[in-house]
Amino acid sequence: MSRGPDAAVLLERTLIADAARSAVMLEVTAGKATRWASATFVGARHALTLSAARDLNADTWIGELEDAELPVRGHLVADVQVVRIVRADGRVVADVEVLTVEEG
């Protein structure tokens, strides 16, 4: 029996929806999730590559991503870091690292 989409899928959906609210047509071109745990928390570290047509909306959205509220059902987005941005050929591509923690 399936429990539904995992944190990686939910995170990608959340990023795409959040970008769309800022008129950014976002694509997740690569993604990898690694399980993570501390003494008190369980979650995952996500490494994503995000791509969008380069315009003011995309540049602004990526620039504000580290401070964004990203609701992911059943998880808390504990940290977002934009580690690399490349602007070329009319696109903006960002490598992003996200830490999610399971709720409850």
N, C-alpha and C. Protein backbone atom coordinates (compact mmCIF):
# COMPACT_ATOMS: atom_id res chain seq x y z
N MET A 1 0.83 -1.18 0.00
CA MET A 1 0.00 0.00 0.00
C MET A 1 0.88 1.25 0.00
N SER A 2 0.60 2.16 -0.88
CA SER A 2 1.40 3.37 -1.03
C SER A 2 0.97 4.44 -0.03
N ARG A 3 1.95 5.16 0.49
CA ARG A 3 1.66 6.26 1.41
C ARG A 3 1.57 7.58 0.67
N GLY A 4 1.70 7.58 -0.63
CA GLY A 4 1.65 8.81 -1.40
C GLY A 4 3.04 9.27 -1.77
N PRO A 5 3.13 10.43 -2.39
CA PRO A 5 4.42 10.93 -2.84
C PRO A 5 5.38 11.18 -1.68
N ASP A 6 6.67 10.96 -1.94
CA ASP A 6 7.67 11.21 -0.91
C ASP A 6 8.04 12.69 -0.86
N ALA A 7 8.91 13.04 0.07
CA ALA A 7 9.28 14.45 0.28
C ALA A 7 9.90 15.06 -0.97
N ALA A 8 10.67 14.28 -1.73
CA ALA A 8 11.32 14.82 -2.93
C ALA A 8 10.29 15.26 -3.96
N VAL A 9 9.30 14.42 -4.20
CA VAL A 9 8.25 14.75 -5.17
C VAL A 9 7.43 15.94 -4.68
N LEU A 10 7.07 15.93 -3.41
CA LEU A 10 6.28 17.03 -2.84
C LEU A 10 7.06 18.35 -2.89
N LEU A 11 8.36 18.30 -2.62
CA LEU A 11 9.19 19.50 -2.68
C LEU A 11 9.24 20.05 -4.10
N GLU A 12 9.44 19.19 -5.08
CA GLU A 12 9.47 19.64 -6.48
C GLU A 12 8.14 20.29 -6.86
N ARG A 13 7.04 19.68 -6.48
CA ARG A 13 5.71 20.25 -6.77
C ARG A 13 5.55 21.61 -6.10
N THR A 14 6.02 21.73 -4.87
CA THR A 14 5.92 23.00 -4.14
C THR A 14 6.74 24.08 -4.82
N LEU A 15 7.96 23.76 -5.24
CA LEU A 15 8.80 24.74 -5.92
C LEU A 15 8.16 25.20 -7.23
N ILE A 16 7.64 24.28 -8.01
CA ILE A 16 7.01 24.62 -9.29
C ILE A 16 5.79 25.51 -9.06
N ALA A 17 4.96 25.16 -8.07
CA ALA A 17 3.78 25.97 -7.77
C ALA A 17 4.15 27.35 -7.25
N ASP A 18 5.16 27.42 -6.39
CA ASP A 18 5.59 28.71 -5.84
C ASP A 18 6.13 29.59 -6.96
N ALA A 19 6.92 29.02 -7.85
CA ALA A 19 7.45 29.78 -8.98
C ALA A 19 6.32 30.27 -9.88
N ALA A 20 5.33 29.42 -10.12
CA ALA A 20 4.21 29.80 -10.98
C ALA A 20 3.45 31.00 -10.41
N ARG A 21 3.35 31.09 -9.09
CA ARG A 21 2.69 32.24 -8.46
C ARG A 21 3.45 33.54 -8.74
N SER A 22 4.72 33.41 -9.08
CA SER A 22 5.53 34.58 -9.44
C SER A 22 5.72 34.69 -10.95
N ALA A 23 4.86 33.99 -11.70
CA ALA A 23 4.89 34.01 -13.18
C ALA A 23 6.19 33.44 -13.73
N VAL A 24 6.72 32.42 -13.06
CA VAL A 24 7.94 31.74 -13.51
C VAL A 24 7.58 30.31 -13.87
N MET A 25 7.88 29.93 -15.11
CA MET A 25 7.65 28.56 -15.56
C MET A 25 8.90 27.75 -15.23
N LEU A 26 8.91 27.12 -14.08
CA LEU A 26 10.08 26.43 -13.56
C LEU A 26 10.11 24.98 -14.00
N GLU A 27 11.29 24.49 -14.31
CA GLU A 27 11.52 23.08 -14.57
C GLU A 27 12.54 22.58 -13.56
N VAL A 28 12.30 21.40 -13.01
CA VAL A 28 13.29 20.73 -12.18
C VAL A 28 13.99 19.75 -13.12
N THR A 29 15.24 20.06 -13.48
CA THR A 29 15.94 19.26 -14.48
C THR A 29 16.77 18.13 -13.88
N ALA A 30 17.03 18.20 -12.59
CA ALA A 30 17.75 17.13 -11.89
C ALA A 30 17.40 17.20 -10.42
N GLY A 31 17.37 16.05 -9.79
CA GLY A 31 17.08 16.03 -8.37
C GLY A 31 17.56 14.74 -7.73
N LYS A 32 18.08 14.89 -6.53
CA LYS A 32 18.55 13.73 -5.77
C LYS A 32 18.23 13.99 -4.30
N ALA A 33 17.67 12.99 -3.64
CA ALA A 33 17.38 13.10 -2.21
C ALA A 33 18.15 12.02 -1.47
N THR A 34 18.73 12.42 -0.36
CA THR A 34 19.47 11.50 0.50
C THR A 34 18.85 11.55 1.89
N ARG A 35 18.49 10.39 2.42
CA ARG A 35 17.93 10.33 3.77
C ARG A 35 18.92 10.93 4.76
N TRP A 36 18.38 11.57 5.78
CA TRP A 36 19.20 12.25 6.78
C TRP A 36 18.53 12.09 8.13
N ALA A 37 19.32 11.98 9.18
CA ALA A 37 18.77 11.90 10.53
C ALA A 37 19.76 12.49 11.53
N SER A 38 19.22 13.09 12.56
CA SER A 38 20.02 13.54 13.70
C SER A 38 19.49 12.79 14.92
N ALA A 39 19.92 13.17 16.08
CA ALA A 39 19.45 12.49 17.29
C ALA A 39 17.95 12.69 17.51
N THR A 40 17.41 13.79 16.99
CA THR A 40 16.01 14.10 17.25
C THR A 40 15.13 14.25 16.00
N PHE A 41 15.73 14.33 14.81
CA PHE A 41 14.95 14.57 13.60
C PHE A 41 15.30 13.57 12.51
N VAL A 42 14.32 13.33 11.63
CA VAL A 42 14.50 12.49 10.45
C VAL A 42 14.04 13.29 9.25
N GLY A 43 14.77 13.20 8.16
CA GLY A 43 14.38 13.95 6.98
C GLY A 43 15.22 13.57 5.79
N ALA A 44 15.44 14.56 4.92
CA ALA A 44 16.23 14.31 3.70
C ALA A 44 16.94 15.58 3.27
N ARG A 45 18.08 15.36 2.64
CA ARG A 45 18.81 16.45 1.99
C ARG A 45 18.54 16.30 0.49
N HIS A 46 18.13 17.40 -0.12
CA HIS A 46 17.77 17.40 -1.53
C HIS A 46 18.74 18.28 -2.30
N ALA A 47 19.24 17.78 -3.41
CA ALA A 47 20.06 18.57 -4.33
C ALA A 47 19.27 18.64 -5.64
N LEU A 48 18.91 19.86 -6.03
CA LEU A 48 18.05 20.08 -7.20
C LEU A 48 18.70 21.04 -8.17
N THR A 49 18.43 20.84 -9.43
CA THR A 49 18.79 21.81 -10.45
C THR A 49 17.50 22.36 -11.02
N LEU A 50 17.34 23.67 -10.93
CA LEU A 50 16.13 24.35 -11.37
C LEU A 50 16.46 25.19 -12.59
N SER A 51 15.54 25.24 -13.55
CA SER A 51 15.77 25.98 -14.78
C SER A 51 14.52 26.75 -15.16
N ALA A 52 14.71 27.98 -15.65
CA ALA A 52 13.60 28.80 -16.11
C ALA A 52 14.10 29.76 -17.17
N ALA A 53 13.17 30.26 -17.98
CA ALA A 53 13.53 31.30 -18.93
C ALA A 53 14.02 32.50 -18.13
N ARG A 54 15.10 33.10 -18.61
CA ARG A 54 15.67 34.22 -17.86
C ARG A 54 14.86 35.48 -18.11
N ASP A 55 14.30 35.99 -17.03
CA ASP A 55 13.62 37.28 -17.05
C ASP A 55 13.65 37.83 -15.62
N LEU A 56 13.11 39.00 -15.45
CA LEU A 56 13.13 39.63 -14.13
C LEU A 56 12.40 38.80 -13.08
N ASN A 57 11.27 38.19 -13.46
CA ASN A 57 10.53 37.36 -12.50
C ASN A 57 11.37 36.18 -12.01
N ALA A 58 12.03 35.49 -12.93
CA ALA A 58 12.85 34.33 -12.55
C ALA A 58 14.02 34.76 -11.69
N ASP A 59 14.69 35.83 -12.09
CA ASP A 59 15.83 36.31 -11.30
C ASP A 59 15.40 36.71 -9.89
N THR A 60 14.25 37.37 -9.79
CA THR A 60 13.74 37.79 -8.48
C THR A 60 13.35 36.57 -7.65
N TRP A 61 12.62 35.62 -8.27
CA TRP A 61 12.18 34.44 -7.53
C TRP A 61 13.37 33.66 -6.97
N ILE A 62 14.37 33.42 -7.80
CA ILE A 62 15.55 32.68 -7.33
C ILE A 62 16.29 33.47 -6.26
N GLY A 63 16.35 34.78 -6.42
CA GLY A 63 17.02 35.62 -5.44
C GLY A 63 16.36 35.59 -4.07
N GLU A 64 15.04 35.32 -4.04
CA GLU A 64 14.30 35.29 -2.78
C GLU A 64 14.06 33.88 -2.27
N LEU A 65 14.54 32.88 -2.98
CA LEU A 65 14.22 31.49 -2.66
C LEU A 65 14.71 31.06 -1.27
N GLU A 66 15.87 31.52 -0.85
CA GLU A 66 16.41 31.10 0.44
C GLU A 66 15.54 31.55 1.61
N ASP A 67 14.74 32.59 1.42
CA ASP A 67 13.89 33.11 2.48
C ASP A 67 12.42 32.74 2.29
N ALA A 68 12.11 31.97 1.27
CA ALA A 68 10.72 31.64 0.95
C ALA A 68 10.12 30.66 1.94
N GLU A 69 8.82 30.79 2.17
CA GLU A 69 8.05 29.82 2.95
C GLU A 69 7.59 28.76 1.95
N LEU A 70 8.04 27.55 2.11
CA LEU A 70 7.71 26.47 1.18
C LEU A 70 6.98 25.36 1.93
N PRO A 71 5.66 25.37 1.88
CA PRO A 71 4.89 24.34 2.59
C PRO A 71 4.94 23.00 1.85
N VAL A 72 5.43 21.98 2.53
CA VAL A 72 5.50 20.63 1.97
C VAL A 72 4.74 19.74 2.94
N ARG A 73 3.65 19.16 2.48
CA ARG A 73 2.78 18.36 3.34
C ARG A 73 3.57 17.27 4.09
N GLY A 74 3.44 17.29 5.42
CA GLY A 74 4.09 16.29 6.25
C GLY A 74 5.55 16.54 6.55
N HIS A 75 6.07 17.68 6.06
CA HIS A 75 7.49 17.98 6.21
C HIS A 75 7.68 19.47 6.49
N LEU A 76 8.77 19.77 7.12
CA LEU A 76 9.18 21.15 7.36
C LEU A 76 10.40 21.41 6.49
N VAL A 77 10.37 22.48 5.72
CA VAL A 77 11.55 22.87 4.96
C VAL A 77 12.42 23.67 5.92
N ALA A 78 13.49 23.03 6.38
CA ALA A 78 14.33 23.62 7.42
C ALA A 78 15.39 24.56 6.88
N ASP A 79 15.84 24.33 5.64
CA ASP A 79 16.91 25.16 5.09
C ASP A 79 16.88 25.08 3.57
N VAL A 80 17.11 26.22 2.93
CA VAL A 80 17.23 26.30 1.47
C VAL A 80 18.48 27.12 1.17
N GLN A 81 19.34 26.58 0.33
CA GLN A 81 20.54 27.30 -0.09
C GLN A 81 20.67 27.23 -1.60
N VAL A 82 20.79 28.39 -2.22
CA VAL A 82 21.10 28.46 -3.65
C VAL A 82 22.62 28.45 -3.73
N VAL A 83 23.19 27.38 -4.26
CA VAL A 83 24.63 27.21 -4.24
C VAL A 83 25.31 27.63 -5.54
N ARG A 84 24.52 27.75 -6.61
CA ARG A 84 25.12 28.15 -7.89
C ARG A 84 24.02 28.67 -8.81
N ILE A 85 24.30 29.75 -9.51
CA ILE A 85 23.39 30.29 -10.51
C ILE A 85 24.17 30.53 -11.79
N VAL A 86 23.62 30.05 -12.90
CA VAL A 86 24.22 30.29 -14.21
C VAL A 86 23.16 30.94 -15.09
N ARG A 87 23.54 32.05 -15.71
CA ARG A 87 22.66 32.74 -16.64
C ARG A 87 23.30 32.70 -18.02
N ALA A 88 22.67 31.94 -18.92
CA ALA A 88 23.23 31.80 -20.27
C ALA A 88 22.13 31.33 -21.22
N ASP A 89 22.28 31.69 -22.47
CA ASP A 89 21.37 31.23 -23.52
C ASP A 89 19.90 31.47 -23.19
N GLY A 90 19.61 32.61 -22.56
CA GLY A 90 18.23 32.97 -22.26
C GLY A 90 17.61 32.20 -21.11
N ARG A 91 18.41 31.45 -20.36
CA ARG A 91 17.92 30.65 -19.23
C ARG A 91 18.67 31.05 -17.97
N VAL A 92 18.03 30.80 -16.86
CA VAL A 92 18.69 30.89 -15.56
C VAL A 92 18.58 29.49 -14.95
N VAL A 93 19.72 28.97 -14.56
CA VAL A 93 19.80 27.62 -13.98
C VAL A 93 20.41 27.76 -12.59
N ALA A 94 19.73 27.18 -11.60
CA ALA A 94 20.19 27.28 -10.22
C ALA A 94 20.32 25.90 -9.61
N ASP A 95 21.45 25.67 -8.96
CA ASP A 95 21.62 24.46 -8.14
C ASP A 95 21.23 24.84 -6.72
N VAL A 96 20.32 24.06 -6.16
CA VAL A 96 19.72 24.37 -4.86
C VAL A 96 19.85 23.17 -3.95
N GLU A 97 20.16 23.42 -2.68
CA GLU A 97 20.18 22.38 -1.66
C GLU A 97 19.11 22.69 -0.63
N VAL A 98 18.31 21.69 -0.29
CA VAL A 98 17.19 21.87 0.63
C VAL A 98 17.24 20.77 1.68
N LEU A 99 17.00 21.13 2.92
CA LEU A 99 16.87 20.16 4.00
C LEU A 99 15.41 20.12 4.43
N THR A 100 14.80 18.92 4.34
CA THR A 100 13.44 18.74 4.84
C THR A 100 13.48 17.83 6.06
N VAL A 101 12.56 18.10 6.99
CA VAL A 101 12.45 17.32 8.21
C VAL A 101 11.01 16.82 8.31
N GLU A 102 10.86 15.53 8.61
CA GLU A 102 9.52 14.96 8.74
C GLU A 102 8.84 15.51 9.97
N GLU A 103 7.56 15.86 9.82
CA GLU A 103 6.77 16.34 10.95
C GLU A 103 6.16 15.17 11.70
N GLY A 104 5.97 15.37 12.99
CA GLY A 104 5.24 14.43 13.80
C GLY A 104 5.92 13.19 14.08
